[in-house]
Amino acid sequence: MIPLAAILGIGEKVLDRVLPDPQAKAEAQAKLLEMAQQGQLAELEASVKDMASARDREIRIATSEAAPLLNKIVTPVLALGTVSLSFVLFAVILFVPVDQASKDIIIYVLGALTSAVTMILGYYFGSSVGSKEKSQQLDEIMEKK
């Protein structure tokens, strides 16, 4: 995982290329240091490490000969089940006539499932989320220039 000092170094290299003006570059570097002091960069780094460790755990289980089949398939089965159930509930709401009380419950459950599906998709397809957030924060620094 990239240490905090390396993140700051990368940020400074980006600033060198994006901001040729020394004064604007100095302001952006000051903002980066301020973010580091406030713990925002460390928080971001911890979030990226957490996702990476979860993916590493899944890889170790999936490739381990000693892991039982249930351990290897439980995460993908739960993910597929959650996504499938959310699509089924969407179909029920759209195509099946249900009374209002039941519809309210279905919509509530669908809201919870939608949040879970968002996390599932982020887990399986969001490998660059930390990078995107870092880029977003650097863009915000540049806009304040």
C-alpha atoms as a PDB file:
ATOM      1  CA  MET A   1       0.000   0.000   0.000  1.00  0.00           C
ATOM      2  CA  ILE A   2       1.172   3.518  -0.722  1.00  0.00           C
ATOM      3  CA  PRO A   3       2.435   5.334   2.399  1.00  0.00           C
ATOM      4  CA  LEU A   4       1.279   8.871   3.190  1.00  0.00           C
ATOM      5  CA  ALA A   5       4.644  10.394   2.222  1.00  0.00           C
ATOM      6  CA  ALA A   6       4.395   8.750  -1.191  1.00  0.00           C
ATOM      7  CA  ILE A   7       0.884  10.144  -1.682  1.00  0.00           C
ATOM      8  CA  LEU A   8       2.194  13.620  -0.924  1.00  0.00           C
ATOM      9  CA  GLY A   9       5.095  13.032  -3.336  1.00  0.00           C
ATOM     10  CA  ILE A  10       2.699  11.950  -6.078  1.00  0.00           C
ATOM     11  CA  GLY A  11       0.537  14.999  -5.389  1.00  0.00           C
ATOM     12  CA  GLU A  12       3.550  17.274  -5.730  1.00  0.00           C
ATOM     13  CA  LYS A  13       4.541  15.654  -9.045  1.00  0.00           C
ATOM     14  CA  VAL A  14       1.019  16.170 -10.355  1.00  0.00           C
ATOM     15  CA  LEU A  15       1.173  19.783  -9.253  1.00  0.00           C
ATOM     16  CA  ASP A  16       4.495  20.243 -11.078  1.00  0.00           C
ATOM     17  CA  ARG A  17       2.896  19.186 -14.344  1.00  0.00           C
ATOM     18  CA  VAL A  18      -0.474  20.889 -13.909  1.00  0.00           C
ATOM     19  CA  LEU A  19       0.623  24.196 -12.389  1.00  0.00           C
ATOM     20  CA  PRO A  20       3.622  25.788 -14.045  1.00  0.00           C
ATOM     21  CA  ASP A  21       2.990  29.006 -12.054  1.00  0.00           C
ATOM     22  CA  PRO A  22       5.191  28.822  -8.914  1.00  0.00           C
ATOM     23  CA  GLN A  23       2.723  30.799  -6.774  1.00  0.00           C
ATOM     24  CA  ALA A  24      -0.258  28.602  -7.698  1.00  0.00           C
ATOM     25  CA  LYS A  25       1.890  25.515  -7.149  1.00  0.00           C
ATOM     26  CA  ALA A  26       2.919  26.734  -3.688  1.00  0.00           C
ATOM     27  CA  GLU A  27      -0.732  27.362  -2.746  1.00  0.00           C
ATOM     28  CA  ALA A  28      -1.733  23.885  -3.929  1.00  0.00           C
ATOM     29  CA  GLN A  29       1.167  22.289  -2.018  1.00  0.00           C
ATOM     30  CA  ALA A  30       0.101  24.161   1.108  1.00  0.00           C
ATOM     31  CA  LYS A  31      -3.423  22.812   0.672  1.00  0.00           C
ATOM     32  CA  LEU A  32      -2.054  19.257   0.272  1.00  0.00           C
ATOM     33  CA  LEU A  33      -0.042  19.625   3.478  1.00  0.00           C
ATOM     34  CA  GLU A  34      -3.090  21.039   5.256  1.00  0.00           C
ATOM     35  CA  MET A  35      -5.113  18.006   4.163  1.00  0.00           C
ATOM     36  CA  ALA A  36      -2.360  15.713   5.433  1.00  0.00           C
ATOM     37  CA  GLN A  37      -2.280  17.520   8.769  1.00  0.00           C
ATOM     38  CA  GLN A  38      -6.057  17.286   9.128  1.00  0.00           C
ATOM     39  CA  GLY A  39      -5.858  13.563   8.587  1.00  0.00           C
ATOM     40  CA  GLN A  40      -7.897  13.542   5.380  1.00  0.00           C
ATOM     41  CA  LEU A  41      -5.193  11.839   3.373  1.00  0.00           C
ATOM     42  CA  ALA A  42      -4.615   9.281   6.123  1.00  0.00           C
ATOM     43  CA  GLU A  43      -8.361   8.621   6.229  1.00  0.00           C
ATOM     44  CA  LEU A  44      -8.397   8.129   2.473  1.00  0.00           C
ATOM     45  CA  GLU A  45      -5.396   5.818   2.649  1.00  0.00           C
ATOM     46  CA  ALA A  46      -7.068   3.747   5.407  1.00  0.00           C
ATOM     47  CA  SER A  47     -10.183   3.368   3.279  1.00  0.00           C
ATOM     48  CA  VAL A  48      -8.178   2.157   0.288  1.00  0.00           C
ATOM     49  CA  LYS A  49      -6.212  -0.276   2.499  1.00  0.00           C
ATOM     50  CA  ASP A  50      -9.450  -1.666   3.925  1.00  0.00           C
ATOM     51  CA  MET A  51     -10.839  -2.445   0.464  1.00  0.00           C
ATOM     52  CA  ALA A  52      -7.547  -3.918  -0.671  1.00  0.00           C
ATOM     53  CA  SER A  53      -7.331  -6.190   2.378  1.00  0.00           C
ATOM     54  CA  ALA A  54     -10.854  -7.484   1.755  1.00  0.00           C
ATOM     55  CA  ARG A  55     -10.000  -8.289  -1.852  1.00  0.00           C
ATOM     56  CA  ASP A  56      -6.721  -9.929  -0.802  1.00  0.00           C
ATOM     57  CA  ARG A  57      -8.635 -12.083   1.681  1.00  0.00           C
ATOM     58  CA  GLU A  58     -11.023 -13.203  -1.062  1.00  0.00           C
ATOM     59  CA  ILE A  59      -8.128 -14.052  -3.363  1.00  0.00           C
ATOM     60  CA  ARG A  60      -6.398 -16.093  -0.649  1.00  0.00           C
ATOM     61  CA  ILE A  61      -9.577 -18.052   0.075  1.00  0.00           C
ATOM     62  CA  ALA A  62     -10.409 -18.612  -3.599  1.00  0.00           C
ATOM     63  CA  THR A  63      -6.923 -19.911  -4.413  1.00  0.00           C
ATOM     64  CA  SER A  64      -6.407 -21.952  -1.255  1.00  0.00           C
ATOM     65  CA  GLU A  65      -6.612 -25.699  -1.652  1.00  0.00           C
ATOM     66  CA  ALA A  66      -7.353 -26.063   2.073  1.00  0.00           C
ATOM     67  CA  ALA A  67     -10.427 -23.783   2.026  1.00  0.00           C
ATOM     68  CA  PRO A  68     -13.774 -25.613   1.858  1.00  0.00           C
ATOM     69  CA  LEU A  69     -15.982 -25.017  -1.196  1.00  0.00           C
ATOM     70  CA  LEU A  70     -18.521 -23.125   0.918  1.00  0.00           C
ATOM     71  CA  ASN A  71     -15.893 -20.588   1.956  1.00  0.00           C
ATOM     72  CA  LYS A  72     -14.900 -20.104  -1.683  1.00  0.00           C
ATOM     73  CA  ILE A  73     -18.407 -19.475  -2.977  1.00  0.00           C
ATOM     74  CA  VAL A  74     -20.252 -17.777  -0.100  1.00  0.00           C
ATOM     75  CA  THR A  75     -19.265 -14.198  -1.001  1.00  0.00           C
ATOM     76  CA  PRO A  76     -20.081 -14.447  -4.731  1.00  0.00           C
ATOM     77  CA  VAL A  77     -23.341 -16.326  -4.000  1.00  0.00           C
ATOM     78  CA  LEU A  78     -24.453 -13.677  -1.487  1.00  0.00           C
ATOM     79  CA  ALA A  79     -23.516 -10.920  -3.938  1.00  0.00           C
ATOM     80  CA  LEU A  80     -25.403 -12.556  -6.821  1.00  0.00           C
ATOM     81  CA  GLY A  81     -28.368 -13.285  -4.562  1.00  0.00           C
ATOM     82  CA  THR A  82     -28.585  -9.694  -3.366  1.00  0.00           C
ATOM     83  CA  VAL A  83     -28.343  -8.265  -6.875  1.00  0.00           C
ATOM     84  CA  SER A  84     -30.881 -10.800  -8.184  1.00  0.00           C
ATOM     85  CA  LEU A  85     -33.325 -10.105  -5.350  1.00  0.00           C
ATOM     86  CA  SER A  86     -33.158  -6.374  -6.018  1.00  0.00           C
ATOM     87  CA  PHE A  87     -34.009  -6.949  -9.698  1.00  0.00           C
ATOM     88  CA  VAL A  88     -36.879  -9.254  -8.713  1.00  0.00           C
ATOM     89  CA  LEU A  89     -38.277  -6.586  -6.376  1.00  0.00           C
ATOM     90  CA  PHE A  90     -37.965  -3.964  -9.127  1.00  0.00           C
ATOM     91  CA  ALA A  91     -39.953  -6.280 -11.405  1.00  0.00           C
ATOM     92  CA  VAL A  92     -42.596  -6.839  -8.706  1.00  0.00           C
ATOM     93  CA  ILE A  93     -43.069  -3.124  -8.222  1.00  0.00           C
ATOM     94  CA  LEU A  94     -43.285  -2.504 -11.972  1.00  0.00           C
ATOM     95  CA  PHE A  95     -45.346  -5.455 -13.165  1.00  0.00           C
ATOM     96  CA  VAL A  96     -47.250  -7.081 -10.285  1.00  0.00           C
ATOM     97  CA  PRO A  97     -50.262  -5.381  -8.707  1.00  0.00           C
ATOM     98  CA  VAL A  98     -49.763  -5.259  -4.912  1.00  0.00           C
ATOM     99  CA  ASP A  99     -51.718  -3.438  -2.202  1.00  0.00           C
ATOM    100  CA  GLN A 100     -50.296  -0.188  -0.829  1.00  0.00           C
ATOM    101  CA  ALA A 101     -49.124  -1.594   2.532  1.00  0.00           C
ATOM    102  CA  SER A 102     -47.161  -4.369   0.837  1.00  0.00           C
ATOM    103  CA  LYS A 103     -45.794  -1.955  -1.733  1.00  0.00           C
ATOM    104  CA  ASP A 104     -44.442   0.313   1.018  1.00  0.00           C
ATOM    105  CA  ILE A 105     -42.638  -2.627   2.622  1.00  0.00           C
ATOM    106  CA  ILE A 106     -41.250  -3.757  -0.739  1.00  0.00           C
ATOM    107  CA  ILE A 107     -39.979  -0.243  -1.468  1.00  0.00           C
ATOM    108  CA  TYR A 108     -38.334  -0.074   1.969  1.00  0.00           C
ATOM    109  CA  VAL A 109     -36.596  -3.438   1.446  1.00  0.00           C
ATOM    110  CA  LEU A 110     -35.648  -2.403  -2.088  1.00  0.00           C
ATOM    111  CA  GLY A 111     -34.014   0.751  -0.703  1.00  0.00           C
ATOM    112  CA  ALA A 112     -31.886  -1.328   1.658  1.00  0.00           C
ATOM    113  CA  LEU A 113     -31.028  -3.761  -1.147  1.00  0.00           C
ATOM    114  CA  THR A 114     -30.096  -0.901  -3.454  1.00  0.00           C
ATOM    115  CA  SER A 115     -27.578   0.304  -0.881  1.00  0.00           C
ATOM    116  CA  ALA A 116     -26.195  -3.215  -0.578  1.00  0.00           C
ATOM    117  CA  VAL A 117     -25.980  -3.580  -4.371  1.00  0.00           C
ATOM    118  CA  THR A 118     -24.061  -0.302  -4.552  1.00  0.00           C
ATOM    119  CA  MET A 119     -21.537  -1.643  -2.051  1.00  0.00           C
ATOM    120  CA  ILE A 120     -21.331  -4.989  -3.870  1.00  0.00           C
ATOM    121  CA  LEU A 121     -20.659  -3.318  -7.208  1.00  0.00           C
ATOM    122  CA  GLY A 122     -18.089  -1.073  -5.548  1.00  0.00           C
ATOM    123  CA  TYR A 123     -16.396  -4.113  -4.040  1.00  0.00           C
ATOM    124  CA  TYR A 124     -16.209  -6.081  -7.280  1.00  0.00           C
ATOM    125  CA  PHE A 125     -15.720  -3.269  -9.796  1.00  0.00           C
ATOM    126  CA  GLY A 126     -14.511  -0.274  -7.774  1.00  0.00           C
ATOM    127  CA  SER A 127     -10.794  -0.994  -7.604  1.00  0.00           C
ATOM    128  CA  SER A 128      -9.959   2.599  -8.459  1.00  0.00           C
ATOM    129  CA  VAL A 129     -12.277   4.286  -5.959  1.00  0.00           C
ATOM    130  CA  GLY A 130      -9.383   5.520  -3.808  1.00  0.00           C
ATOM    131  CA  SER A 131      -7.602   6.822  -6.870  1.00  0.00           C
ATOM    132  CA  LYS A 132     -10.769   8.579  -8.017  1.00  0.00           C
ATOM    133  CA  GLU A 133     -11.222  10.228  -4.614  1.00  0.00           C
ATOM    134  CA  LYS A 134      -7.601  11.386  -4.580  1.00  0.00           C
ATOM    135  CA  SER A 135      -7.996  12.852  -8.066  1.00  0.00           C
ATOM    136  CA  GLN A 136     -11.222  14.552  -6.999  1.00  0.00           C
ATOM    137  CA  GLN A 137      -9.539  16.143  -4.003  1.00  0.00           C
ATOM    138  CA  LEU A 138      -6.630  17.330  -6.139  1.00  0.00           C
ATOM    139  CA  ASP A 139      -9.129  18.793  -8.632  1.00  0.00           C
ATOM    140  CA  GLU A 140     -10.824  20.661  -5.799  1.00  0.00           C
ATOM    141  CA  ILE A 141      -7.470  22.106  -4.769  1.00  0.00           C
ATOM    142  CA  MET A 142      -6.811  23.246  -8.323  1.00  0.00           C
ATOM    143  CA  GLU A 143     -10.260  24.875  -8.638  1.00  0.00           C
ATOM    144  CA  LYS A 144      -9.710  26.962  -5.499  1.00  0.00           C
ATOM    145  CA  LYS A 145      -6.638  28.456  -7.137  1.00  0.00           C
END
